[in-house]
C-alpha atoms as a PDB file:
ATOM      1  CA  UNK A   1     -24.949 133.407  48.621  1.00  0.00           C
ATOM      2  CA  UNK A   2     -21.960 134.543  50.074  1.00  0.00           C
ATOM      3  CA  UNK A   3     -19.325 136.552  48.988  1.00  0.00           C
ATOM      4  CA  UNK A   4     -16.301 134.822  46.541  1.00  0.00           C
ATOM      5  CA  UNK A   5     -14.183 137.396  48.398  1.00  0.00           C
ATOM      6  CA  UNK A   6     -14.736 135.446  52.156  1.00  0.00           C
ATOM      7  CA  UNK A   7     -13.272 132.492  50.598  1.00  0.00           C
ATOM      8  CA  UNK A   8      -9.336 131.530  51.367  1.00  0.00           C
ATOM      9  CA  UNK A   9      -7.028 129.648  48.221  1.00  0.00           C
ATOM     10  CA  UNK A  10      -4.888 126.652  48.882  1.00  0.00           C
ATOM     11  CA  UNK A  11      -2.806 126.237  45.670  1.00  0.00           C
ATOM     12  CA  UNK A  12      -1.168 122.976  45.534  1.00  0.00           C
ATOM     13  CA  UNK A  13       2.524 123.421  44.339  1.00  0.00           C
ATOM     14  CA  UNK A  14       4.734 120.650  46.372  1.00  0.00           C
ATOM     15  CA  UNK A  15       4.724 117.736  43.361  1.00  0.00           C
ATOM     16  CA  UNK A  16       8.362 117.051  41.952  1.00  0.00           C
ATOM     17  CA  UNK A  17       7.280 116.959  38.457  1.00  0.00           C
ATOM     18  CA  UNK A  18       8.765 113.342  37.836  1.00  0.00           C
ATOM     19  CA  UNK A  19       6.675 113.458  34.120  1.00  0.00           C
ATOM     20  CA  UNK A  20       8.801 116.618  33.153  1.00  0.00           C
ATOM     21  CA  UNK A  21      12.351 115.737  34.637  1.00  0.00           C
ATOM     22  CA  UNK A  22      15.061 116.801  34.182  1.00  0.00           C
ATOM     23  CA  UNK A  23      13.564 120.145  33.356  1.00  0.00           C
ATOM     24  CA  UNK A  24      11.635 120.141  36.107  1.00  0.00           C
ATOM     25  CA  UNK A  25      14.288 119.010  38.225  1.00  0.00           C
ATOM     26  CA  UNK A  26      14.808 122.831  39.906  1.00  0.00           C
ATOM     27  CA  UNK A  27      12.272 124.875  37.786  1.00  0.00           C
ATOM     28  CA  UNK A  28       9.172 124.006  39.648  1.00  0.00           C
ATOM     29  CA  UNK A  29       6.475 123.288  37.093  1.00  0.00           C
ATOM     30  CA  UNK A  30       4.278 125.838  38.151  1.00  0.00           C
ATOM     31  CA  UNK A  31       6.356 128.771  37.093  1.00  0.00           C
ATOM     32  CA  UNK A  32       6.067 126.472  33.270  1.00  0.00           C
ATOM     33  CA  UNK A  33       5.253 129.702  31.174  1.00  0.00           C
ATOM     34  CA  UNK A  34       1.856 130.262  29.203  1.00  0.00           C
ATOM     35  CA  UNK A  35       0.124 132.873  27.406  1.00  0.00           C
ATOM     36  CA  UNK A  36      -1.816 135.210  29.330  1.00  0.00           C
ATOM     37  CA  UNK A  37      -3.876 138.624  28.406  1.00  0.00           C
ATOM     38  CA  UNK A  38      -2.342 141.627  30.379  1.00  0.00           C
ATOM     39  CA  UNK A  39      -5.605 144.227  31.698  1.00  0.00           C
ATOM     40  CA  UNK A  40      -4.790 146.807  28.593  1.00  0.00           C
ATOM     41  CA  UNK A  41      -5.354 143.642  26.974  1.00  0.00           C
ATOM     42  CA  UNK A  42      -1.811 142.576  25.201  1.00  0.00           C
ATOM     43  CA  UNK A  43      -0.896 139.159  25.255  1.00  0.00           C
ATOM     44  CA  UNK A  44       1.833 138.302  27.897  1.00  0.00           C
ATOM     45  CA  UNK A  45       4.069 134.868  28.589  1.00  0.00           C
ATOM     46  CA  UNK A  46       3.433 134.547  32.711  1.00  0.00           C
ATOM     47  CA  UNK A  47       3.984 131.189  35.590  1.00  0.00           C
ATOM     48  CA  UNK A  48       1.116 129.257  35.276  1.00  0.00           C
ATOM     49  CA  UNK A  49       1.408 129.924  39.058  1.00  0.00           C
ATOM     50  CA  UNK A  50       0.695 133.442  38.529  1.00  0.00           C
ATOM     51  CA  UNK A  51      -2.147 132.828  35.885  1.00  0.00           C
ATOM     52  CA  UNK A  52      -4.462 130.917  38.360  1.00  0.00           C
ATOM     53  CA  UNK A  53      -3.694 133.491  41.394  1.00  0.00           C
ATOM     54  CA  UNK A  54      -4.845 136.265  39.001  1.00  0.00           C
ATOM     55  CA  UNK A  55      -7.809 134.261  37.544  1.00  0.00           C
ATOM     56  CA  UNK A  56      -8.546 133.783  41.860  1.00  0.00           C
ATOM     57  CA  UNK A  57      -7.443 137.384  42.144  1.00  0.00           C
ATOM     58  CA  UNK A  58      -9.924 138.780  39.315  1.00  0.00           C
ATOM     59  CA  UNK A  59     -13.321 137.187  41.192  1.00  0.00           C
ATOM     60  CA  UNK A  60     -12.405 138.423  44.040  1.00  0.00           C
ATOM     61  CA  UNK A  61      -9.817 136.375  46.416  1.00  0.00           C
ATOM     62  CA  UNK A  62      -7.924 138.072  48.506  1.00  0.00           C
ATOM     63  CA  UNK A  63      -5.960 135.101  50.952  1.00  0.00           C
ATOM     64  CA  UNK A  64      -3.593 132.405  49.273  1.00  0.00           C
ATOM     65  CA  UNK A  65      -1.765 129.759  50.865  1.00  0.00           C
ATOM     66  CA  UNK A  66       0.754 128.182  48.237  1.00  0.00           C
ATOM     67  CA  UNK A  67       2.320 124.504  49.605  1.00  0.00           C
ATOM     68  CA  UNK A  68       5.472 124.227  48.243  1.00  0.00           C
ATOM     69  CA  UNK A  69       8.112 121.929  48.960  1.00  0.00           C
ATOM     70  CA  UNK A  70      11.844 121.344  48.389  1.00  0.00           C
ATOM     71  CA  UNK A  71      13.091 123.038  44.744  1.00  0.00           C
ATOM     72  CA  UNK A  72       9.719 125.813  44.974  1.00  0.00           C
ATOM     73  CA  UNK A  73      12.000 128.476  46.277  1.00  0.00           C
ATOM     74  CA  UNK A  74      11.616 130.484  42.769  1.00  0.00           C
ATOM     75  CA  UNK A  75       7.947 130.406  43.201  1.00  0.00           C
ATOM     76  CA  UNK A  76       8.010 132.555  46.396  1.00  0.00           C
ATOM     77  CA  UNK A  77      10.473 134.918  44.582  1.00  0.00           C
ATOM     78  CA  UNK A  78       8.296 135.037  41.571  1.00  0.00           C
ATOM     79  CA  UNK A  79       5.257 136.443  44.597  1.00  0.00           C
ATOM     80  CA  UNK A  80       7.585 138.628  46.385  1.00  0.00           C
ATOM     81  CA  UNK A  81       7.339 142.172  44.532  1.00  0.00           C
ATOM     82  CA  UNK A  82      10.662 143.535  43.884  1.00  0.00           C
ATOM     83  CA  UNK A  83      10.575 146.695  43.668  1.00  0.00           C
ATOM     84  CA  UNK A  84      14.543 147.863  42.912  1.00  0.00           C
ATOM     85  CA  UNK A  85      14.075 145.381  39.792  1.00  0.00           C
ATOM     86  CA  UNK A  86      10.569 147.740  38.976  1.00  0.00           C
ATOM     87  CA  UNK A  87      12.638 150.696  38.921  1.00  0.00           C
ATOM     88  CA  UNK A  88      15.493 149.701  37.062  1.00  0.00           C
ATOM     89  CA  UNK A  89      13.383 148.217  34.226  1.00  0.00           C
ATOM     90  CA  UNK A  90      11.363 151.715  34.249  1.00  0.00           C
ATOM     91  CA  UNK A  91      14.673 153.718  34.221  1.00  0.00           C
ATOM     92  CA  UNK A  92      15.117 151.450  31.394  1.00  0.00           C
ATOM     93  CA  UNK A  93      12.023 152.543  29.389  1.00  0.00           C
ATOM     94  CA  UNK A  94      11.112 148.422  29.307  1.00  0.00           C
ATOM     95  CA  UNK A  95       8.551 148.130  32.231  1.00  0.00           C
ATOM     96  CA  UNK A  96       6.008 145.945  31.234  1.00  0.00           C
ATOM     97  CA  UNK A  97       2.342 146.888  32.881  1.00  0.00           C
ATOM     98  CA  UNK A  98       1.749 143.407  32.724  1.00  0.00           C
ATOM     99  CA  UNK A  99       4.622 143.135  35.565  1.00  0.00           C
ATOM    100  CA  UNK A 100       3.440 146.153  37.647  1.00  0.00           C
ATOM    101  CA  UNK A 101      -0.286 145.505  37.530  1.00  0.00           C
ATOM    102  CA  UNK A 102       0.562 142.146  39.152  1.00  0.00           C
ATOM    103  CA  UNK A 103       2.703 143.241  42.118  1.00  0.00           C
ATOM    104  CA  UNK A 104      -0.153 145.809  43.042  1.00  0.00           C
ATOM    105  CA  UNK A 105      -2.046 142.554  42.997  1.00  0.00           C
ATOM    106  CA  UNK A 106       0.212 141.155  45.373  1.00  0.00           C
ATOM    107  CA  UNK A 107       0.476 144.221  47.654  1.00  0.00           C
ATOM    108  CA  UNK A 108      -3.533 143.686  48.073  1.00  0.00           C
ATOM    109  CA  UNK A 109      -3.361 140.413  48.947  1.00  0.00           C
ATOM    110  CA  UNK A 110      -2.402 138.099  51.948  1.00  0.00           C
ATOM    111  CA  UNK A 111       0.210 135.248  50.730  1.00  0.00           C
ATOM    112  CA  UNK A 112       1.528 132.766  52.976  1.00  0.00           C
ATOM    113  CA  UNK A 113       3.341 129.898  51.957  1.00  0.00           C
ATOM    114  CA  UNK A 114       2.947 126.347  53.887  1.00  0.00           C
ATOM    115  CA  UNK A 115       5.993 123.871  53.602  1.00  0.00           C
ATOM    116  CA  UNK A 116       5.437 119.905  52.336  1.00  0.00           C
ATOM    117  CA  UNK A 117       8.818 118.610  53.823  1.00  0.00           C
ATOM    118  CA  UNK A 118       7.812 115.467  51.064  1.00  0.00           C
ATOM    119  CA  UNK A 119       6.057 115.089  48.882  1.00  0.00           C
ATOM    120  CA  UNK A 120       3.080 112.523  50.255  1.00  0.00           C
ATOM    121  CA  UNK A 121       0.735 113.095  47.725  1.00  0.00           C
ATOM    122  CA  UNK A 122      -2.146 115.770  47.025  1.00  0.00           C
ATOM    123  CA  UNK A 123      -4.062 115.214  50.084  1.00  0.00           C
ATOM    124  CA  UNK A 124      -0.949 115.451  52.558  1.00  0.00           C
ATOM    125  CA  UNK A 125      -0.548 119.163  50.584  1.00  0.00           C
ATOM    126  CA  UNK A 126      -4.184 119.520  51.803  1.00  0.00           C
ATOM    127  CA  UNK A 127      -3.563 118.730  54.906  1.00  0.00           C
ATOM    128  CA  UNK A 128      -0.667 121.149  54.797  1.00  0.00           C
ATOM    129  CA  UNK A 129      -3.629 123.877  55.756  1.00  0.00           C
ATOM    130  CA  UNK A 130      -5.417 122.354  58.110  1.00  0.00           C
ATOM    131  CA  UNK A 131      -3.271 124.416  61.357  1.00  0.00           C
ATOM    132  CA  UNK A 132      -4.397 127.534  59.523  1.00  0.00           C
ATOM    133  CA  UNK A 133      -7.563 127.603  57.771  1.00  0.00           C
ATOM    134  CA  UNK A 134     -11.163 127.431  59.000  1.00  0.00           C
ATOM    135  CA  UNK A 135     -14.557 127.694  57.296  1.00  0.00           C
ATOM    136  CA  UNK A 136     -15.024 127.197  53.410  1.00  0.00           C
ATOM    137  CA  UNK A 137     -11.953 127.061  51.391  1.00  0.00           C
ATOM    138  CA  UNK A 138     -10.938 126.401  47.679  1.00  0.00           C
ATOM    139  CA  UNK A 139      -8.067 124.031  46.841  1.00  0.00           C
ATOM    140  CA  UNK A 140      -6.665 124.660  42.837  1.00  0.00           C
ATOM    141  CA  UNK A 141      -3.362 122.160  42.123  1.00  0.00           C
ATOM    142  CA  UNK A 142      -0.709 124.593  40.707  1.00  0.00           C
ATOM    143  CA  UNK A 143      -0.047 123.274  37.257  1.00  0.00           C
ATOM    144  CA  UNK A 144      -3.802 123.370  35.404  1.00  0.00           C
ATOM    145  CA  UNK A 145      -5.889 126.025  34.657  1.00  0.00           C
ATOM    146  CA  UNK A 146      -9.195 126.158  33.336  1.00  0.00           C
ATOM    147  CA  UNK A 147     -10.474 128.460  30.953  1.00  0.00           C
ATOM    148  CA  UNK A 148     -13.559 130.085  31.133  1.00  0.00           C
ATOM    149  CA  UNK A 149     -15.520 133.276  30.290  1.00  0.00           C
ATOM    150  CA  UNK A 150     -14.906 135.830  32.811  1.00  0.00           C
ATOM    151  CA  UNK A 151     -14.051 132.953  35.154  1.00  0.00           C
ATOM    152  CA  UNK A 152     -17.267 132.136  35.574  1.00  0.00           C
ATOM    153  CA  UNK A 153     -16.473 128.310  36.297  1.00  0.00           C
ATOM    154  CA  UNK A 154     -16.167 129.630  40.071  1.00  0.00           C
ATOM    155  CA  UNK A 155     -19.113 131.719  41.101  1.00  0.00           C
ATOM    156  CA  UNK A 156     -21.046 128.285  39.306  1.00  0.00           C
ATOM    157  CA  UNK A 157     -18.675 125.819  41.902  1.00  0.00           C
ATOM    158  CA  UNK A 158     -20.057 128.341  44.847  1.00  0.00           C
ATOM    159  CA  UNK A 159     -23.437 128.175  43.995  1.00  0.00           C
ATOM    160  CA  UNK A 160     -24.042 125.161  43.878  1.00  0.00           C
ATOM    161  CA  UNK A 161     -21.750 124.532  46.972  1.00  0.00           C
ATOM    162  CA  UNK A 162     -23.711 127.013  48.835  1.00  0.00           C
ATOM    163  CA  UNK A 163     -27.339 125.206  47.232  1.00  0.00           C
ATOM    164  CA  UNK A 164     -26.582 121.790  48.149  1.00  0.00           C
ATOM    165  CA  UNK A 165     -25.033 122.326  51.237  1.00  0.00           C
ATOM    166  CA  UNK A 166     -21.781 120.427  49.833  1.00  0.00           C
ATOM    167  CA  UNK A 167     -19.075 119.376  52.026  1.00  0.00           C
ATOM    168  CA  UNK A 168     -17.570 119.454  49.105  1.00  0.00           C
ATOM    169  CA  UNK A 169     -17.768 120.248  45.431  1.00  0.00           C
ATOM    170  CA  UNK A 170     -15.661 119.320  42.373  1.00  0.00           C
ATOM    171  CA  UNK A 171     -15.179 120.853  39.082  1.00  0.00           C
ATOM    172  CA  UNK A 172     -15.781 117.426  36.666  1.00  0.00           C
ATOM    173  CA  UNK A 173     -15.401 117.389  32.574  1.00  0.00           C
ATOM    174  CA  UNK A 174     -15.579 114.713  30.126  1.00  0.00           C
ATOM    175  CA  UNK A 175     -12.436 113.202  28.818  1.00  0.00           C
ATOM    176  CA  UNK A 176     -11.682 110.409  26.361  1.00  0.00           C
ATOM    177  CA  UNK A 177      -9.210 108.515  28.843  1.00  0.00           C
ATOM    178  CA  UNK A 178     -10.111 108.837  32.631  1.00  0.00           C
ATOM    179  CA  UNK A 179      -7.943 106.410  33.693  1.00  0.00           C
ATOM    180  CA  UNK A 180      -5.479 109.054  34.177  1.00  0.00           C
ATOM    181  CA  UNK A 181      -7.606 110.910  36.524  1.00  0.00           C
ATOM    182  CA  UNK A 182      -9.719 110.292  39.782  1.00  0.00           C
ATOM    183  CA  UNK A 183     -13.283 109.560  38.013  1.00  0.00           C
ATOM    184  CA  UNK A 184     -16.648 109.583  39.654  1.00  0.00           C
ATOM    185  CA  UNK A 185     -20.459 108.041  39.326  1.00  0.00           C
ATOM    186  CA  UNK A 186     -23.564 110.049  40.501  1.00  0.00           C
ATOM    187  CA  UNK A 187     -26.715 111.224  40.319  1.00  0.00           C
ATOM    188  CA  UNK A 188     -27.427 113.991  38.038  1.00  0.00           C
ATOM    189  CA  UNK A 189     -29.713 116.695  39.896  1.00  0.00           C
ATOM    190  CA  UNK A 190     -29.830 119.235  37.058  1.00  0.00           C
ATOM    191  CA  UNK A 191     -27.724 119.924  33.444  1.00  0.00           C
ATOM    192  CA  UNK A 192     -24.533 120.554  34.661  1.00  0.00           C
ATOM    193  CA  UNK A 193     -24.644 119.042  38.558  1.00  0.00           C
ATOM    194  CA  UNK A 194     -24.158 115.825  40.352  1.00  0.00           C
ATOM    195  CA  UNK A 195     -25.147 114.360  43.436  1.00  0.00           C
ATOM    196  CA  UNK A 196     -21.574 111.739  44.037  1.00  0.00           C
ATOM    197  CA  UNK A 197     -22.340 108.558  45.217  1.00  0.00           C
ATOM    198  CA  UNK A 198     -18.792 106.997  44.013  1.00  0.00           C
ATOM    199  CA  UNK A 199     -15.289 108.527  43.801  1.00  0.00           C
ATOM    200  CA  UNK A 200     -11.493 106.470  42.601  1.00  0.00           C
ATOM    201  CA  UNK A 201      -8.351 107.778  42.097  1.00  0.00           C
ATOM    202  CA  UNK A 202      -6.824 106.233  37.867  1.00  0.00           C
ATOM    203  CA  UNK A 203      -9.222 103.532  37.867  1.00  0.00           C
ATOM    204  CA  UNK A 204      -8.466 100.532  35.677  1.00  0.00           C
ATOM    205  CA  UNK A 205     -11.639 100.180  34.637  1.00  0.00           C
ATOM    206  CA  UNK A 206     -13.436 103.033  34.808  1.00  0.00           C
ATOM    207  CA  UNK A 207     -17.342 103.500  35.452  1.00  0.00           C
ATOM    208  CA  UNK A 208     -17.830 106.669  33.806  1.00  0.00           C
ATOM    209  CA  UNK A 209     -15.398 109.487  31.650  1.00  0.00           C
ATOM    210  CA  UNK A 210     -16.684 111.772  34.374  1.00  0.00           C
ATOM    211  CA  UNK A 211     -13.267 113.514  35.506  1.00  0.00           C
ATOM    212  CA  UNK A 212     -12.265 115.553  38.413  1.00  0.00           C
ATOM    213  CA  UNK A 213     -10.529 118.351  37.467  1.00  0.00           C
ATOM    214  CA  UNK A 214      -8.340 119.915  39.985  1.00  0.00           C
ATOM    215  CA  UNK A 215     -10.386 123.222  41.158  1.00  0.00           C
ATOM    216  CA  UNK A 216     -12.535 122.445  44.749  1.00  0.00           C
ATOM    217  CA  UNK A 217     -14.623 124.181  47.408  1.00  0.00           C
ATOM    218  CA  UNK A 218     -14.378 121.941  50.823  1.00  0.00           C
ATOM    219  CA  UNK A 219     -15.671 122.578  54.040  1.00  0.00           C
ATOM    220  CA  UNK A 220     -13.095 121.814  57.046  1.00  0.00           C
ATOM    221  CA  UNK A 221     -14.572 118.567  57.504  1.00  0.00           C
ATOM    222  CA  UNK A 222     -12.027 117.580  54.554  1.00  0.00           C
ATOM    223  CA  UNK A 223      -9.315 117.697  56.762  1.00  0.00           C
ATOM    224  CA  UNK A 224     -10.436 115.311  59.189  1.00  0.00           C
ATOM    225  CA  UNK A 225     -11.483 112.699  56.467  1.00  0.00           C
ATOM    226  CA  UNK A 226      -7.511 113.406  55.761  1.00  0.00           C
ATOM    227  CA  UNK A 227      -6.315 111.929  58.841  1.00  0.00           C
ATOM    228  CA  UNK A 228      -8.360 109.018  58.640  1.00  0.00           C
ATOM    229  CA  UNK A 229      -7.505 108.208  55.146  1.00  0.00           C
ATOM    230  CA  UNK A 230      -5.012 105.744  54.645  1.00  0.00           C
ATOM    231  CA  UNK A 231      -2.189 106.334  51.465  1.00  0.00           C
ATOM    232  CA  UNK A 232      -3.327 105.109  48.499  1.00  0.00           C
ATOM    233  CA  UNK A 233      -2.019 104.872  45.159  1.00  0.00           C
ATOM    234  CA  UNK A 234       2.181 105.176  44.807  1.00  0.00           C
ATOM    235  CA  UNK A 235       1.587 104.853  49.275  1.00  0.00           C
ATOM    236  CA  UNK A 236       0.724 108.967  48.630  1.00  0.00           C
ATOM    237  CA  UNK A 237      -2.321 110.594  50.348  1.00  0.00           C
ATOM    238  CA  UNK A 238      -4.779 110.693  47.628  1.00  0.00           C
ATOM    239  CA  UNK A 239      -7.485 113.857  48.181  1.00  0.00           C
ATOM    240  CA  UNK A 240      -9.846 111.742  45.929  1.00  0.00           C
ATOM    241  CA  UNK A 241      -9.533 108.666  49.008  1.00  0.00           C
ATOM    242  CA  UNK A 242     -11.071 111.737  51.396  1.00  0.00           C
ATOM    243  CA  UNK A 243     -13.759 112.864  48.846  1.00  0.00           C
ATOM    244  CA  UNK A 244     -14.756 109.257  48.892  1.00  0.00           C
ATOM    245  CA  UNK A 245     -14.738 108.837  52.847  1.00  0.00           C
ATOM    246  CA  UNK A 246     -17.001 111.425  52.873  1.00  0.00           C
ATOM    247  CA  UNK A 247     -19.379 110.056  50.685  1.00  0.00           C
ATOM    248  CA  UNK A 248     -19.375 107.089  52.828  1.00  0.00           C
ATOM    249  CA  UNK A 249     -20.038 109.017  55.386  1.00  0.00           C
ATOM    250  CA  UNK A 250     -23.315 110.409  54.061  1.00  0.00           C
ATOM    251  CA  UNK A 251     -22.062 113.808  53.410  1.00  0.00           C
ATOM    252  CA  UNK A 252     -23.182 115.838  50.384  1.00  0.00           C
ATOM    253  CA  UNK A 253     -20.258 115.631  47.436  1.00  0.00           C
ATOM    254  CA  UNK A 254     -21.761 117.767  44.509  1.00  0.00           C
ATOM    255  CA  UNK A 255     -20.296 117.656  41.263  1.00  0.00           C
ATOM    256  CA  UNK A 256     -20.357 120.585  38.932  1.00  0.00           C
ATOM    257  CA  UNK A 257     -19.388 120.172  34.720  1.00  0.00           C
ATOM    258  CA  UNK A 258     -17.662 122.010  32.830  1.00  0.00           C
ATOM    259  CA  UNK A 259     -19.438 123.580  29.582  1.00  0.00           C
ATOM    260  CA  UNK A 260     -18.131 122.512  26.526  1.00  0.00           C
ATOM    261  CA  UNK A 261     -16.474 125.953  25.875  1.00  0.00           C
ATOM    262  CA  UNK A 262     -14.896 125.755  29.229  1.00  0.00           C
ATOM    263  CA  UNK A 263     -10.991 124.070  28.413  1.00  0.00           C
ATOM    264  CA  UNK A 264      -8.762 123.275  31.413  1.00  0.00           C
ATOM    265  CA  UNK A 265      -4.633 123.511  30.238  1.00  0.00           C
ATOM    266  CA  UNK A 266      -2.827 120.813  31.965  1.00  0.00           C
ATOM    267  CA  UNK A 267       0.806 121.446  32.124  1.00  0.00           C
ATOM    268  CA  UNK A 268       1.343 117.915  33.504  1.00  0.00           C
ATOM    269  CA  UNK A 269       3.093 116.178  30.832  1.00  0.00           C
ATOM    270  CA  UNK A 270       5.533 117.461  27.625  1.00  0.00           C
ATOM    271  CA  UNK A 271       2.185 116.382  25.641  1.00  0.00           C
ATOM    272  CA  UNK A 272      -0.249 118.386  27.201  1.00  0.00           C
ATOM    273  CA  UNK A 273       2.304 121.582  27.776  1.00  0.00           C
ATOM    274  CA  UNK A 274       2.030 121.505  23.679  1.00  0.00           C
ATOM    275  CA  UNK A 275      -1.075 121.508  24.253  1.00  0.00           C
ATOM    276  CA  UNK A 276      -1.654 124.253  26.849  1.00  0.00           C
ATOM    277  CA  UNK A 277       0.890 126.560  24.881  1.00  0.00           C
ATOM    278  CA  UNK A 278      -1.510 126.350  21.611  1.00  0.00           C
ATOM    279  CA  UNK A 279      -4.451 127.060  23.479  1.00  0.00           C
ATOM    280  CA  UNK A 280      -3.213 129.698  25.316  1.00  0.00           C
ATOM    281  CA  UNK A 281      -1.899 131.846  22.313  1.00  0.00           C
ATOM    282  CA  UNK A 282      -4.997 131.331  20.836  1.00  0.00           C
ATOM    283  CA  UNK A 283      -6.642 132.688  23.897  1.00  0.00           C
ATOM    284  CA  UNK A 284      -8.252 129.378  24.476  1.00  0.00           C
ATOM    285  CA  UNK A 285      -9.935 128.477  20.826  1.00  0.00           C
ATOM    286  CA  UNK A 286     -12.103 125.448  20.952  1.00  0.00           C
ATOM    287  CA  UNK A 287     -11.465 124.643  17.865  1.00  0.00           C
ATOM    288  CA  UNK A 288      -8.058 123.949  18.636  1.00  0.00           C
ATOM    289  CA  UNK A 289      -8.239 121.092  21.081  1.00  0.00           C
ATOM    290  CA  UNK A 290      -6.528 118.406  20.497  1.00  0.00           C
ATOM    291  CA  UNK A 291      -8.470 116.035  22.271  1.00  0.00           C
ATOM    292  CA  UNK A 292      -9.751 112.900  20.090  1.00  0.00           C
ATOM    293  CA  UNK A 293     -13.896 112.323  19.902  1.00  0.00           C
ATOM    294  CA  UNK A 294     -15.165 110.987  23.102  1.00  0.00           C
ATOM    295  CA  UNK A 295     -14.967 107.184  23.099  1.00  0.00           C
ATOM    296  CA  UNK A 296     -17.182 106.856  25.578  1.00  0.00           C
ATOM    297  CA  UNK A 297     -20.220 108.143  23.539  1.00  0.00           C
ATOM    298  CA  UNK A 298     -22.985 105.845  24.084  1.00  0.00           C
ATOM    299  CA  UNK A 299     -20.509 103.096  24.846  1.00  0.00           C
ATOM    300  CA  UNK A 300     -20.803 100.787  28.159  1.00  0.00           C
ATOM    301  CA  UNK A 301     -17.671 100.516  30.456  1.00  0.00           C
ATOM    302  CA  UNK A 302     -16.318  96.975  30.619  1.00  0.00           C
ATOM    303  CA  UNK A 303     -12.740  97.036  29.561  1.00  0.00           C
ATOM    304  CA  UNK A 304     -10.309 100.412  29.641  1.00  0.00           C
ATOM    305  CA  UNK A 305     -10.399 102.631  26.396  1.00  0.00           C
ATOM    306  CA  UNK A 306      -7.145 103.252  24.408  1.00  0.00           C
ATOM    307  CA  UNK A 307      -7.755 106.559  22.676  1.00  0.00           C
ATOM    308  CA  UNK A 308      -5.596 106.388  19.671  1.00  0.00           C
ATOM    309  CA  UNK A 309      -2.226 108.573  19.497  1.00  0.00           C
ATOM    310  CA  UNK A 310      -2.774 112.177  17.894  1.00  0.00           C
ATOM    311  CA  UNK A 311      -1.299 112.876  14.667  1.00  0.00           C
ATOM    312  CA  UNK A 312       2.197 113.865  14.339  1.00  0.00           C
ATOM    313  CA  UNK A 313       1.175 117.125  12.804  1.00  0.00           C
ATOM    314  CA  UNK A 314      -1.090 118.069  16.007  1.00  0.00           C
ATOM    315  CA  UNK A 315       1.791 118.100  18.010  1.00  0.00           C
ATOM    316  CA  UNK A 316       4.060 120.248  16.214  1.00  0.00           C
ATOM    317  CA  UNK A 317       6.219 122.045  18.685  1.00  0.00           C
ATOM    318  CA  UNK A 318       5.422 126.131  18.345  1.00  0.00           C
ATOM    319  CA  UNK A 319       8.307 127.689  15.788  1.00  0.00           C
ATOM    320  CA  UNK A 320       8.762 131.310  16.130  1.00  0.00           C
ATOM    321  CA  UNK A 321      11.540 132.990  13.822  1.00  0.00           C
ATOM    322  CA  UNK A 322      14.563 133.583  14.645  1.00  0.00           C
ATOM    323  CA  UNK A 323      15.122 137.163  16.420  1.00  0.00           C
ATOM    324  CA  UNK A 324      17.041 139.112  15.585  1.00  0.00           C
ATOM    325  CA  UNK A 325      19.492 141.117  17.519  1.00  0.00           C
ATOM    326  CA  UNK A 326      19.423 144.427  18.916  1.00  0.00           C
ATOM    327  CA  UNK A 327      21.318 146.786  17.295  1.00  0.00           C
END
């Protein structure tokens, strides 16, 4: 099996975060915080983009391409080591080990920032990498983090990609309301592995509950598929539509399901931010997962299914005690 270090990673962060306005007007949603353990085991508050980068770094990746747009300068600044700031913190005795560890990882990595002039869709963001990426590569959305034991979902995805000689390999999860996601249909070749036959973006009447999680491995022919794909929903170039074009071209497209103890943290809406903070603070404890039981279990798909509102008590924001002022 090819080493994960051979892959390059494209992390997309060009969207404007309309569902999080006005807060996301100048603060990128990819810089919103989550709780994440440091190497010494202590809990740190990190930007989501950093947590994604560190996951990929932990499994061996060293080449990263961030697709950014207007108002995303904070991401580039955060990923640029600041020695003077470190020296200042050290002189005050307040240097957190998590920050110095992060900077060491940055120094041993290759980072490139690609500018997406307009937010024309996920597919358009991926297409930004066409001139600089060759060979197989990973794609991750910068507003979603997947938690698994030892980040094992990455090698599992890569193993399936090679084994089935896939043009595209996609991480999937069964969800109660797939109308908000790209949805796939296909044939299960073995437990947790699907040969995908059809892909559609946010269907009004979904024909399965298998939703696309924004973690992918592609061969470079995804660029050709994207260049031949017309704008889709909301007038944007949809990555899902390009994957469907690969299917129609007869290419192998494979889905890998998340296991039941693996979680997705999504910071795309106010409600999911609350969930992500709770789950990350508790180390991804699945008992705290807020999603209701899967309504698709043993049911046919004849009309969209509406998920019942969560209890208000389940969405109570985290509140901490007032912090005493330093003497």
